[in-house]
Amino acid sequence: MTETTARTVGDLAQLVRTKNAGPFWMTIDVFFATDADYQRAAAPGVISEDIVAALYGVSPSDVTVFRLPHIRVVKISFPRRVVQGSFADRDMHSGQQHVPLANLSLP
């Protein structure tokens, strides 16, 4: 999909992935193929602390968004809702947690 026809972050991104950043934190990496795609997603109000917090049920003050234009990546870190490997953990490696962000509608 091209920048002009992308409707979600997942449509615009080349790759969206999640992984553990230790047993208490999760990291989401969003990679873009072009500068234009990166700039559209990294623009204010598209992928923000408040939006990520709402998607993942965490406090906005616990979310950190890193914008890395030189490699066209938006990286997001926040605490896991449950500790990795605990009884309530349903995704031990956080491999499926990218879906809410990938489905986020673009403005």
PDB file of N, CA and C in Angstrom:
ATOM      1  N   MET A   1       0.839  -1.171   0.000  1.00  0.00           N
ATOM      2  CA  MET A   1       0.000   0.000   0.000  1.00  0.00           C
ATOM      3  C   MET A   1       0.889   1.242   0.000  1.00  0.00           C
ATOM      4  N   THR A   2       0.479   2.280  -0.657  1.00  0.00           N
ATOM      5  CA  THR A   2       1.254   3.516  -0.698  1.00  0.00           C
ATOM      6  C   THR A   2       0.826   4.445   0.426  1.00  0.00           C
ATOM      7  N   GLU A   3       1.629   5.484   0.621  1.00  0.00           N
ATOM      8  CA  GLU A   3       1.337   6.447   1.686  1.00  0.00           C
ATOM      9  C   GLU A   3      -0.063   7.022   1.542  1.00  0.00           C
ATOM     10  N   THR A   4      -0.475   7.344   0.327  1.00  0.00           N
ATOM     11  CA  THR A   4      -1.764   8.012   0.129  1.00  0.00           C
ATOM     12  C   THR A   4      -2.953   7.076   0.323  1.00  0.00           C
ATOM     13  N   THR A   5      -2.760   5.760   0.167  1.00  0.00           N
ATOM     14  CA  THR A   5      -3.882   4.839   0.334  1.00  0.00           C
ATOM     15  C   THR A   5      -3.869   4.110   1.669  1.00  0.00           C
ATOM     16  N   ALA A   6      -2.819   4.304   2.478  1.00  0.00           N
ATOM     17  CA  ALA A   6      -2.733   3.640   3.779  1.00  0.00           C
ATOM     18  C   ALA A   6      -3.834   4.146   4.700  1.00  0.00           C
ATOM     19  N   ARG A   7      -4.503   3.219   5.360  1.00  0.00           N
ATOM     20  CA  ARG A   7      -5.583   3.592   6.266  1.00  0.00           C
ATOM     21  C   ARG A   7      -5.235   3.348   7.728  1.00  0.00           C
ATOM     22  N   THR A   8      -4.266   2.459   7.968  1.00  0.00           N
ATOM     23  CA  THR A   8      -3.847   2.145   9.337  1.00  0.00           C
ATOM     24  C   THR A   8      -2.325   2.221   9.432  1.00  0.00           C
ATOM     25  N   VAL A   9      -1.828   2.225  10.656  1.00  0.00           N
ATOM     26  CA  VAL A   9      -0.375   2.195  10.857  1.00  0.00           C
ATOM     27  C   VAL A   9       0.208   0.947  10.195  1.00  0.00           C
ATOM     28  N   GLY A  10      -0.475  -0.182  10.315  1.00  0.00           N
ATOM     29  CA  GLY A  10      -0.005  -1.419   9.703  1.00  0.00           C
ATOM     30  C   GLY A  10       0.065  -1.354   8.188  1.00  0.00           C
ATOM     31  N   ASP A  11      -0.876  -0.636   7.572  1.00  0.00           N
ATOM     32  CA  ASP A  11      -0.842  -0.453   6.122  1.00  0.00           C
ATOM     33  C   ASP A  11       0.373   0.365   5.706  1.00  0.00           C
ATOM     34  N   LEU A  12       0.694   1.369   6.496  1.00  0.00           N
ATOM     35  CA  LEU A  12       1.766   2.298   6.163  1.00  0.00           C
ATOM     36  C   LEU A  12       3.145   1.711   6.468  1.00  0.00           C
ATOM     37  N   ALA A  13       3.238   0.922   7.511  1.00  0.00           N
ATOM     38  CA  ALA A  13       4.526   0.402   7.978  1.00  0.00           C
ATOM     39  C   ALA A  13       5.022  -0.751   7.116  1.00  0.00           C
ATOM     40  N   GLN A  14       6.330  -0.871   7.070  1.00  0.00           N
ATOM     41  CA  GLN A  14       6.949  -2.022   6.439  1.00  0.00           C
ATOM     42  C   GLN A  14       6.887  -3.225   7.391  1.00  0.00           C
ATOM     43  N   LEU A  15       7.028  -2.948   8.699  1.00  0.00           N
ATOM     44  CA  LEU A  15       6.993  -3.999   9.713  1.00  0.00           C
ATOM     45  C   LEU A  15       6.579  -3.380  11.040  1.00  0.00           C
ATOM     46  N   VAL A  16       5.695  -4.059  11.749  1.00  0.00           N
ATOM     47  CA  VAL A  16       5.334  -3.691  13.119  1.00  0.00           C
ATOM     48  C   VAL A  16       5.559  -4.941  13.955  1.00  0.00           C
ATOM     49  N   ARG A  17       6.383  -4.823  15.014  1.00  0.00           N
ATOM     50  CA  ARG A  17       6.659  -5.996  15.837  1.00  0.00           C
ATOM     51  C   ARG A  17       6.717  -5.597  17.308  1.00  0.00           C
ATOM     52  N   THR A  18       6.406  -6.560  18.159  1.00  0.00           N
ATOM     53  CA  THR A  18       6.533  -6.366  19.602  1.00  0.00           C
ATOM     54  C   THR A  18       7.482  -7.410  20.156  1.00  0.00           C
ATOM     55  N   LYS A  19       8.082  -7.050  21.272  1.00  0.00           N
ATOM     56  CA  LYS A  19       8.962  -7.985  21.962  1.00  0.00           C
ATOM     57  C   LYS A  19       9.076  -7.555  23.409  1.00  0.00           C
ATOM     58  N   ASN A  20       9.512  -8.493  24.236  1.00  0.00           N
ATOM     59  CA  ASN A  20       9.764  -8.173  25.631  1.00  0.00           C
ATOM     60  C   ASN A  20      10.992  -7.293  25.730  1.00  0.00           C
ATOM     61  N   ALA A  21      10.955  -6.407  26.688  1.00  0.00           N
ATOM     62  CA  ALA A  21      12.133  -5.625  27.062  1.00  0.00           C
ATOM     63  C   ALA A  21      12.383  -5.946  28.537  1.00  0.00           C
ATOM     64  N   GLY A  22      12.565  -7.223  28.807  1.00  0.00           N
ATOM     65  CA  GLY A  22      12.648  -7.723  30.167  1.00  0.00           C
ATOM     66  C   GLY A  22      11.290  -8.256  30.586  1.00  0.00           C
ATOM     67  N   PRO A  23      11.171  -8.813  31.777  1.00  0.00           N
ATOM     68  CA  PRO A  23       9.906  -9.418  32.196  1.00  0.00           C
ATOM     69  C   PRO A  23       8.811  -8.417  32.561  1.00  0.00           C
ATOM     70  N   PHE A  24       9.159  -7.135  32.660  1.00  0.00           N
ATOM     71  CA  PHE A  24       8.192  -6.139  33.105  1.00  0.00           C
ATOM     72  C   PHE A  24       7.840  -5.104  32.045  1.00  0.00           C
ATOM     73  N   TRP A  25       8.551  -5.086  30.923  1.00  0.00           N
ATOM     74  CA  TRP A  25       8.361  -4.065  29.890  1.00  0.00           C
ATOM     75  C   TRP A  25       8.169  -4.694  28.521  1.00  0.00           C
ATOM     76  N   MET A  26       7.486  -3.978  27.665  1.00  0.00           N
ATOM     77  CA  MET A  26       7.256  -4.378  26.287  1.00  0.00           C
ATOM     78  C   MET A  26       7.731  -3.256  25.369  1.00  0.00           C
ATOM     79  N   THR A  27       8.236  -3.630  24.216  1.00  0.00           N
ATOM     80  CA  THR A  27       8.678  -2.660  23.220  1.00  0.00           C
ATOM     81  C   THR A  27       7.989  -2.961  21.903  1.00  0.00           C
ATOM     82  N   ILE A  28       7.533  -1.919  21.234  1.00  0.00           N
ATOM     83  CA  ILE A  28       6.956  -2.034  19.901  1.00  0.00           C
ATOM     84  C   ILE A  28       7.867  -1.269  18.950  1.00  0.00           C
ATOM     85  N   ASP A  29       8.233  -1.908  17.847  1.00  0.00           N
ATOM     86  CA  ASP A  29       9.040  -1.268  16.809  1.00  0.00           C
ATOM     87  C   ASP A  29       8.195  -1.155  15.554  1.00  0.00           C
ATOM     88  N   VAL A  30       8.161   0.044  14.981  1.00  0.00           N
ATOM     89  CA  VAL A  30       7.421   0.274  13.746  1.00  0.00           C
ATOM     90  C   VAL A  30       8.420   0.794  12.712  1.00  0.00           C
ATOM     91  N   PHE A  31       8.646  -0.003  11.664  1.00  0.00           N
ATOM     92  CA  PHE A  31       9.625   0.315  10.628  1.00  0.00           C
ATOM     93  C   PHE A  31       8.909   0.822   9.383  1.00  0.00           C
ATOM     94  N   PHE A  32       9.495   1.833   8.729  1.00  0.00           N
ATOM     95  CA  PHE A  32       8.910   2.407   7.518  1.00  0.00           C
ATOM     96  C   PHE A  32       9.908   2.341   6.372  1.00  0.00           C
ATOM     97  N   ALA A  33       9.394   2.134   5.158  1.00  0.00           N
ATOM     98  CA  ALA A  33      10.248   1.981   3.978  1.00  0.00           C
ATOM     99  C   ALA A  33      10.710   3.315   3.412  1.00  0.00           C
ATOM    100  N   THR A  34       9.924   4.366   3.609  1.00  0.00           N
ATOM    101  CA  THR A  34      10.276   5.658   3.018  1.00  0.00           C
ATOM    102  C   THR A  34      10.229   6.764   4.066  1.00  0.00           C
ATOM    103  N   ASP A  35      10.919   7.847   3.779  1.00  0.00           N
ATOM    104  CA  ASP A  35      10.876   9.006   4.676  1.00  0.00           C
ATOM    105  C   ASP A  35       9.462   9.558   4.783  1.00  0.00           C
ATOM    106  N   ALA A  36       8.736   9.580   3.679  1.00  0.00           N
ATOM    107  CA  ALA A  36       7.366  10.115   3.686  1.00  0.00           C
ATOM    108  C   ALA A  36       6.460   9.288   4.595  1.00  0.00           C
ATOM    109  N   ASP A  37       6.574   7.962   4.524  1.00  0.00           N
ATOM    110  CA  ASP A  37       5.767   7.099   5.398  1.00  0.00           C
ATOM    111  C   ASP A  37       6.124   7.337   6.859  1.00  0.00           C
ATOM    112  N   TYR A  38       7.427   7.413   7.143  1.00  0.00           N
ATOM    113  CA  TYR A  38       7.868   7.668   8.512  1.00  0.00           C
ATOM    114  C   TYR A  38       7.313   9.005   9.019  1.00  0.00           C
ATOM    115  N   GLN A  39       7.434  10.033   8.219  1.00  0.00           N
ATOM    116  CA  GLN A  39       6.990  11.367   8.633  1.00  0.00           C
ATOM    117  C   GLN A  39       5.492  11.400   8.896  1.00  0.00           C
ATOM    118  N   ARG A  40       4.730  10.669   8.111  1.00  0.00           N
ATOM    119  CA  ARG A  40       3.279  10.641   8.330  1.00  0.00           C
ATOM    120  C   ARG A  40       2.950   9.997   9.683  1.00  0.00           C
ATOM    121  N   ALA A  41       3.609   8.891   9.997  1.00  0.00           N
ATOM    122  CA  ALA A  41       3.320   8.194  11.251  1.00  0.00           C
ATOM    123  C   ALA A  41       3.929   8.888  12.460  1.00  0.00           C
ATOM    124  N   ALA A  42       5.081   9.541  12.275  1.00  0.00           N
ATOM    125  CA  ALA A  42       5.771  10.189  13.396  1.00  0.00           C
ATOM    126  C   ALA A  42       5.243  11.593  13.665  1.00  0.00           C
ATOM    127  N   ALA A  43       4.310  12.055  12.873  1.00  0.00           N
ATOM    128  CA  ALA A  43       3.746  13.390  13.063  1.00  0.00           C
ATOM    129  C   ALA A  43       3.032  13.475  14.413  1.00  0.00           C
ATOM    130  N   PRO A  44       2.991  14.670  14.991  1.00  0.00           N
ATOM    131  CA  PRO A  44       2.309  14.836  16.285  1.00  0.00           C
ATOM    132  C   PRO A  44       0.864  14.327  16.235  1.00  0.00           C
ATOM    133  N   GLY A  45       0.478  13.590  17.266  1.00  0.00           N
ATOM    134  CA  GLY A  45      -0.894  13.122  17.370  1.00  0.00           C
ATOM    135  C   GLY A  45      -1.195  11.824  16.656  1.00  0.00           C
ATOM    136  N   VAL A  46      -0.232  11.241  15.953  1.00  0.00           N
ATOM    137  CA  VAL A  46      -0.499   9.974  15.266  1.00  0.00           C
ATOM    138  C   VAL A  46      -0.147   8.805  16.180  1.00  0.00           C
ATOM    139  N   ILE A  47       1.124   8.629  16.487  1.00  0.00           N
ATOM    140  CA  ILE A  47       1.553   7.638  17.473  1.00  0.00           C
ATOM    141  C   ILE A  47       2.084   8.440  18.659  1.00  0.00           C
ATOM    142  N   SER A  48       1.241   8.622  19.650  1.00  0.00           N
ATOM    143  CA  SER A  48       1.612   9.444  20.807  1.00  0.00           C
ATOM    144  C   SER A  48       1.490   8.623  22.084  1.00  0.00           C
ATOM    145  N   GLU A  49       2.022   9.157  23.160  1.00  0.00           N
ATOM    146  CA  GLU A  49       1.930   8.501  24.455  1.00  0.00           C
ATOM    147  C   GLU A  49       0.484   8.270  24.855  1.00  0.00           C
ATOM    148  N   ASP A  50      -0.378   9.267  24.643  1.00  0.00           N
ATOM    149  CA  ASP A  50      -1.791   9.138  25.012  1.00  0.00           C
ATOM    150  C   ASP A  50      -2.494   8.059  24.200  1.00  0.00           C
ATOM    151  N   ILE A  51      -2.223   8.009  22.918  1.00  0.00           N
ATOM    152  CA  ILE A  51      -2.879   7.014  22.052  1.00  0.00           C
ATOM    153  C   ILE A  51      -2.406   5.612  22.405  1.00  0.00           C
ATOM    154  N   VAL A  52      -1.107   5.428  22.585  1.00  0.00           N
ATOM    155  CA  VAL A  52      -0.573   4.110  22.953  1.00  0.00           C
ATOM    156  C   VAL A  52      -1.136   3.683  24.306  1.00  0.00           C
ATOM    157  N   ALA A  53      -1.187   4.608  25.257  1.00  0.00           N
ATOM    158  CA  ALA A  53      -1.734   4.287  26.579  1.00  0.00           C
ATOM    159  C   ALA A  53      -3.176   3.806  26.479  1.00  0.00           C
ATOM    160  N   ALA A  54      -3.971   4.466  25.673  1.00  0.00           N
ATOM    161  CA  ALA A  54      -5.368   4.058  25.499  1.00  0.00           C
ATOM    162  C   ALA A  54      -5.469   2.681  24.832  1.00  0.00           C
ATOM    163  N   LEU A  55      -4.618   2.416  23.859  1.00  0.00           N
ATOM    164  CA  LEU A  55      -4.649   1.121  23.167  1.00  0.00           C
ATOM    165  C   LEU A  55      -4.260  -0.038  24.077  1.00  0.00           C
ATOM    166  N   TYR A  56      -3.315   0.196  24.991  1.00  0.00           N
ATOM    167  CA  TYR A  56      -2.747  -0.887  25.777  1.00  0.00           C
ATOM    168  C   TYR A  56      -3.117  -0.848  27.258  1.00  0.00           C
ATOM    169  N   GLY A  57      -3.966   0.089  27.655  1.00  0.00           N
ATOM    170  CA  GLY A  57      -4.450   0.120  29.032  1.00  0.00           C
ATOM    171  C   GLY A  57      -3.393   0.430  30.066  1.00  0.00           C
ATOM    172  N   VAL A  58      -2.477   1.326  29.710  1.00  0.00           N
ATOM    173  CA  VAL A  58      -1.444   1.763  30.649  1.00  0.00           C
ATOM    174  C   VAL A  58      -1.532   3.275  30.807  1.00  0.00           C
ATOM    175  N   SER A  59      -0.824   3.808  31.767  1.00  0.00           N
ATOM    176  CA  SER A  59      -0.818   5.250  31.999  1.00  0.00           C
ATOM    177  C   SER A  59       0.041   5.957  30.944  1.00  0.00           C
ATOM    178  N   PRO A  60      -0.412   7.077  30.405  1.00  0.00           N
ATOM    179  CA  PRO A  60       0.401   7.819  29.442  1.00  0.00           C
ATOM    180  C   PRO A  60       1.779   8.200  29.986  1.00  0.00           C
ATOM    181  N   SER A  61       1.868   8.406  31.294  1.00  0.00           N
ATOM    182  CA  SER A  61       3.162   8.775  31.881  1.00  0.00           C
ATOM    183  C   SER A  61       4.158   7.608  31.876  1.00  0.00           C
ATOM    184  N   ASP A  62       3.664   6.379  31.663  1.00  0.00           N
ATOM    185  CA  ASP A  62       4.528   5.206  31.601  1.00  0.00           C
ATOM    186  C   ASP A  62       4.969   4.858  30.182  1.00  0.00           C
ATOM    187  N   VAL A  63       4.447   5.559  29.193  1.00  0.00           N
ATOM    188  CA  VAL A  63       4.754   5.275  27.789  1.00  0.00           C
ATOM    189  C   VAL A  63       5.852   6.211  27.309  1.00  0.00           C
ATOM    190  N   THR A  64       6.842   5.641  26.641  1.00  0.00           N
ATOM    191  CA  THR A  64       7.890   6.437  26.010  1.00  0.00           C
ATOM    192  C   THR A  64       7.886   6.141  24.522  1.00  0.00           C
ATOM    193  N   VAL A  65       7.808   7.191  23.712  1.00  0.00           N
ATOM    194  CA  VAL A  65       7.850   7.052  22.255  1.00  0.00           C
ATOM    195  C   VAL A  65       9.156   7.655  21.770  1.00  0.00           C
ATOM    196  N   PHE A  66       9.932   6.842  21.073  1.00  0.00           N
ATOM    197  CA  PHE A  66      11.196   7.287  20.481  1.00  0.00           C
ATOM    198  C   PHE A  66      10.990   7.420  18.980  1.00  0.00           C
ATOM    199  N   ARG A  67      11.286   8.568  18.439  1.00  0.00           N
ATOM    200  CA  ARG A  67      11.212   8.786  16.991  1.00  0.00           C
ATOM    201  C   ARG A  67      12.635   8.821  16.458  1.00  0.00           C
ATOM    202  N   LEU A  68      12.950   7.900  15.558  1.00  0.00           N
ATOM    203  CA  LEU A  68      14.305   7.730  15.044  1.00  0.00           C
ATOM    204  C   LEU A  68      14.307   7.943  13.525  1.00  0.00           C
ATOM    205  N   PRO A  69      14.303   9.204  13.084  1.00  0.00           N
ATOM    206  CA  PRO A  69      14.149   9.480  11.650  1.00  0.00           C
ATOM    207  C   PRO A  69      15.287   8.955  10.787  1.00  0.00           C
ATOM    208  N   HIS A  70      16.498   8.884  11.335  1.00  0.00           N
ATOM    209  CA  HIS A  70      17.636   8.435  10.529  1.00  0.00           C
ATOM    210  C   HIS A  70      17.518   6.970  10.126  1.00  0.00           C
ATOM    211  N   ILE A  71      16.727   6.182  10.854  1.00  0.00           N
ATOM    212  CA  ILE A  71      16.489   4.790  10.458  1.00  0.00           C
ATOM    213  C   ILE A  71      15.005   4.520  10.193  1.00  0.00           C
ATOM    214  N   ARG A  72      14.180   5.580  10.174  1.00  0.00           N
ATOM    215  CA  ARG A  72      12.748   5.515   9.876  1.00  0.00           C
ATOM    216  C   ARG A  72      12.011   4.512  10.778  1.00  0.00           C
ATOM    217  N   VAL A  73      12.210   4.693  12.078  1.00  0.00           N
ATOM    218  CA  VAL A  73      11.586   3.807  13.063  1.00  0.00           C
ATOM    219  C   VAL A  73      10.936   4.632  14.159  1.00  0.00           C
ATOM    220  N   VAL A  74       9.756   4.197  14.580  1.00  0.00           N
ATOM    221  CA  VAL A  74       9.140   4.686  15.809  1.00  0.00           C
ATOM    222  C   VAL A  74       9.184   3.512  16.775  1.00  0.00           C
ATOM    223  N   LYS A  75       9.789   3.730  17.939  1.00  0.00           N
ATOM    224  CA  LYS A  75       9.940   2.695  18.962  1.00  0.00           C
ATOM    225  C   LYS A  75       9.165   3.150  20.191  1.00  0.00           C
ATOM    226  N   ILE A  76       8.422   2.243  20.775  1.00  0.00           N
ATOM    227  CA  ILE A  76       7.563   2.562  21.911  1.00  0.00           C
ATOM    228  C   ILE A  76       7.848   1.565  23.026  1.00  0.00           C
ATOM    229  N   SER A  77       7.986   2.049  24.246  1.00  0.00           N
ATOM    230  CA  SER A  77       8.191   1.172  25.398  1.00  0.00           C
ATOM    231  C   SER A  77       7.205   1.529  26.498  1.00  0.00           C
ATOM    232  N   PHE A  78       6.702   0.506  27.164  1.00  0.00           N
ATOM    233  CA  PHE A  78       5.794   0.704  28.291  1.00  0.00           C
ATOM    234  C   PHE A  78       5.751  -0.575  29.125  1.00  0.00           C
ATOM    235  N   PRO A  79       5.278  -0.477  30.370  1.00  0.00           N
ATOM    236  CA  PRO A  79       5.220  -1.665  31.227  1.00  0.00           C
ATOM    237  C   PRO A  79       4.194  -2.678  30.718  1.00  0.00           C
ATOM    238  N   ARG A  80       4.557  -3.943  30.833  1.00  0.00           N
ATOM    239  CA  ARG A  80       3.590  -5.006  30.539  1.00  0.00           C
ATOM    240  C   ARG A  80       2.475  -4.948  31.578  1.00  0.00           C
ATOM    241  N   ARG A  81       1.277  -5.310  31.191  1.00  0.00           N
ATOM    242  CA  ARG A  81       0.161  -5.320  32.144  1.00  0.00           C
ATOM    243  C   ARG A  81       0.276  -6.467  33.142  1.00  0.00           C
ATOM    244  N   VAL A  82       0.899  -7.563  32.716  1.00  0.00           N
ATOM    245  CA  VAL A  82       1.191  -8.672  33.629  1.00  0.00           C
ATOM    246  C   VAL A  82       2.655  -9.060  33.434  1.00  0.00           C
ATOM    247  N   VAL A  83       3.274  -9.576  34.474  1.00  0.00           N
ATOM    248  CA  VAL A  83       4.675  -9.967  34.420  1.00  0.00           C
ATOM    249  C   VAL A  83       4.833 -11.173  33.493  1.00  0.00           C
ATOM    250  N   GLN A  84       5.887 -11.157  32.695  1.00  0.00           N
ATOM    251  CA  GLN A  84       6.161 -12.265  31.786  1.00  0.00           C
ATOM    252  C   GLN A  84       6.248 -13.579  32.556  1.00  0.00           C
ATOM    253  N   GLY A  85       5.544 -14.578  32.066  1.00  0.00           N
ATOM    254  CA  GLY A  85       5.583 -15.905  32.666  1.00  0.00           C
ATOM    255  C   GLY A  85       4.671 -16.094  33.855  1.00  0.00           C
ATOM    256  N   SER A  86       3.970 -15.028  34.255  1.00  0.00           N
ATOM    257  CA  SER A  86       3.041 -15.173  35.379  1.00  0.00           C
ATOM    258  C   SER A  86       1.812 -15.969  34.933  1.00  0.00           C
ATOM    259  N   PHE A  87       1.014 -16.386  35.898  1.00  0.00           N
ATOM    260  CA  PHE A  87      -0.182 -17.181  35.603  1.00  0.00           C
ATOM    261  C   PHE A  87      -1.108 -16.461  34.619  1.00  0.00           C
ATOM    262  N   ALA A  88      -1.229 -15.143  34.727  1.00  0.00           N
ATOM    263  CA  ALA A  88      -2.136 -14.373  33.869  1.00  0.00           C
ATOM    264  C   ALA A  88      -1.551 -14.041  32.495  1.00  0.00           C
ATOM    265  N   ASP A  89      -0.288 -14.361  32.259  1.00  0.00           N
ATOM    266  CA  ASP A  89       0.370 -14.023  30.992  1.00  0.00           C
ATOM    267  C   ASP A  89      -0.131 -14.940  29.879  1.00  0.00           C
ATOM    268  N   ARG A  90      -0.670 -14.350  28.825  1.00  0.00           N
ATOM    269  CA  ARG A  90      -1.190 -15.112  27.687  1.00  0.00           C
ATOM    270  C   ARG A  90      -0.329 -14.952  26.433  1.00  0.00           C
ATOM    271  N   ASP A  91       0.752 -14.199  26.537  1.00  0.00           N
ATOM    272  CA  ASP A  91       1.658 -13.991  25.398  1.00  0.00           C
ATOM    273  C   ASP A  91       3.059 -13.790  25.971  1.00  0.00           C
ATOM    274  N   MET A  92       3.694 -14.868  26.327  1.00  0.00           N
ATOM    275  CA  MET A  92       4.933 -14.824  27.106  1.00  0.00           C
ATOM    276  C   MET A  92       6.021 -13.970  26.463  1.00  0.00           C
ATOM    277  N   HIS A  93       6.084 -13.952  25.157  1.00  0.00           N
ATOM    278  CA  HIS A  93       7.140 -13.198  24.471  1.00  0.00           C
ATOM    279  C   HIS A  93       6.627 -11.886  23.873  1.00  0.00           C
ATOM    280  N   SER A  94       5.381 -11.549  24.140  1.00  0.00           N
ATOM    281  CA  SER A  94       4.749 -10.323  23.628  1.00  0.00           C
ATOM    282  C   SER A  94       4.727 -10.274  22.103  1.00  0.00           C
ATOM    283  N   GLY A  95       4.810 -11.416  21.468  1.00  0.00           N
ATOM    284  CA  GLY A  95       4.886 -11.476  20.011  1.00  0.00           C
ATOM    285  C   GLY A  95       3.613 -11.080  19.288  1.00  0.00           C
ATOM    286  N   GLN A  96       2.472 -11.080  19.963  1.00  0.00           N
ATOM    287  CA  GLN A  96       1.208 -10.756  19.298  1.00  0.00           C
ATOM    288  C   GLN A  96       0.649  -9.399  19.705  1.00  0.00           C
ATOM    289  N   GLN A  97       1.393  -8.655  20.502  1.00  0.00           N
ATOM    290  CA  GLN A  97       0.876  -7.404  21.050  1.00  0.00           C
ATOM    291  C   GLN A  97       0.946  -6.226  20.086  1.00  0.00           C
ATOM    292  N   HIS A  98       1.484  -6.410  18.908  1.00  0.00           N
ATOM    293  CA  HIS A  98       1.575  -5.331  17.924  1.00  0.00           C
ATOM    294  C   HIS A  98       0.231  -5.024  17.270  1.00  0.00           C
ATOM    295  N   VAL A  99      -0.719  -5.920  17.352  1.00  0.00           N
ATOM    296  CA  VAL A  99      -1.963  -5.807  16.590  1.00  0.00           C
ATOM    297  C   VAL A  99      -2.755  -4.521  16.879  1.00  0.00           C
ATOM    298  N   PRO A 100      -2.976  -4.130  18.147  1.00  0.00           N
ATOM    299  CA  PRO A 100      -3.723  -2.879  18.358  1.00  0.00           C
ATOM    300  C   PRO A 100      -3.070  -1.663  17.691  1.00  0.00           C
ATOM    301  N   LEU A 101      -1.764  -1.562  17.768  1.00  0.00           N
ATOM    302  CA  LEU A 101      -1.096  -0.422  17.126  1.00  0.00           C
ATOM    303  C   LEU A 101      -1.148  -0.539  15.612  1.00  0.00           C
ATOM    304  N   ALA A 102      -0.945  -1.727  15.076  1.00  0.00           N
ATOM    305  CA  ALA A 102      -1.006  -1.912  13.616  1.00  0.00           C
ATOM    306  C   ALA A 102      -2.385  -1.557  13.080  1.00  0.00           C
ATOM    307  N   ASN A 103      -3.442  -1.786  13.874  1.00  0.00           N
ATOM    308  CA  ASN A 103      -4.800  -1.482  13.433  1.00  0.00           C
ATOM    309  C   ASN A 103      -5.238  -0.041  13.700  1.00  0.00           C
ATOM    310  N   LEU A 104      -4.356   0.760  14.286  1.00  0.00           N
ATOM    311  CA  LEU A 104      -4.672   2.161  14.577  1.00  0.00           C
ATOM    312  C   LEU A 104      -4.927   2.932  13.280  1.00  0.00           C
ATOM    313  N   SER A 105      -6.072   3.579  13.199  1.00  0.00           N
ATOM    314  CA  SER A 105      -6.413   4.364  12.009  1.00  0.00           C
ATOM    315  C   SER A 105      -5.539   5.599  11.919  1.00  0.00           C
ATOM    316  N   LEU A 106      -5.112   5.910  10.707  1.00  0.00           N
ATOM    317  CA  LEU A 106      -4.337   7.121  10.460  1.00  0.00           C
ATOM    318  C   LEU A 106      -5.275   8.301  10.264  1.00  0.00           C
ATOM    319  N   PRO A 107      -4.850   9.499  10.684  1.00  0.00           N
ATOM    320  CA  PRO A 107      -5.687  10.685  10.458  1.00  0.00           C
ATOM    321  C   PRO A 107      -5.727  11.045   8.977  1.00  0.00           C
TER     322      PRO A 107
END
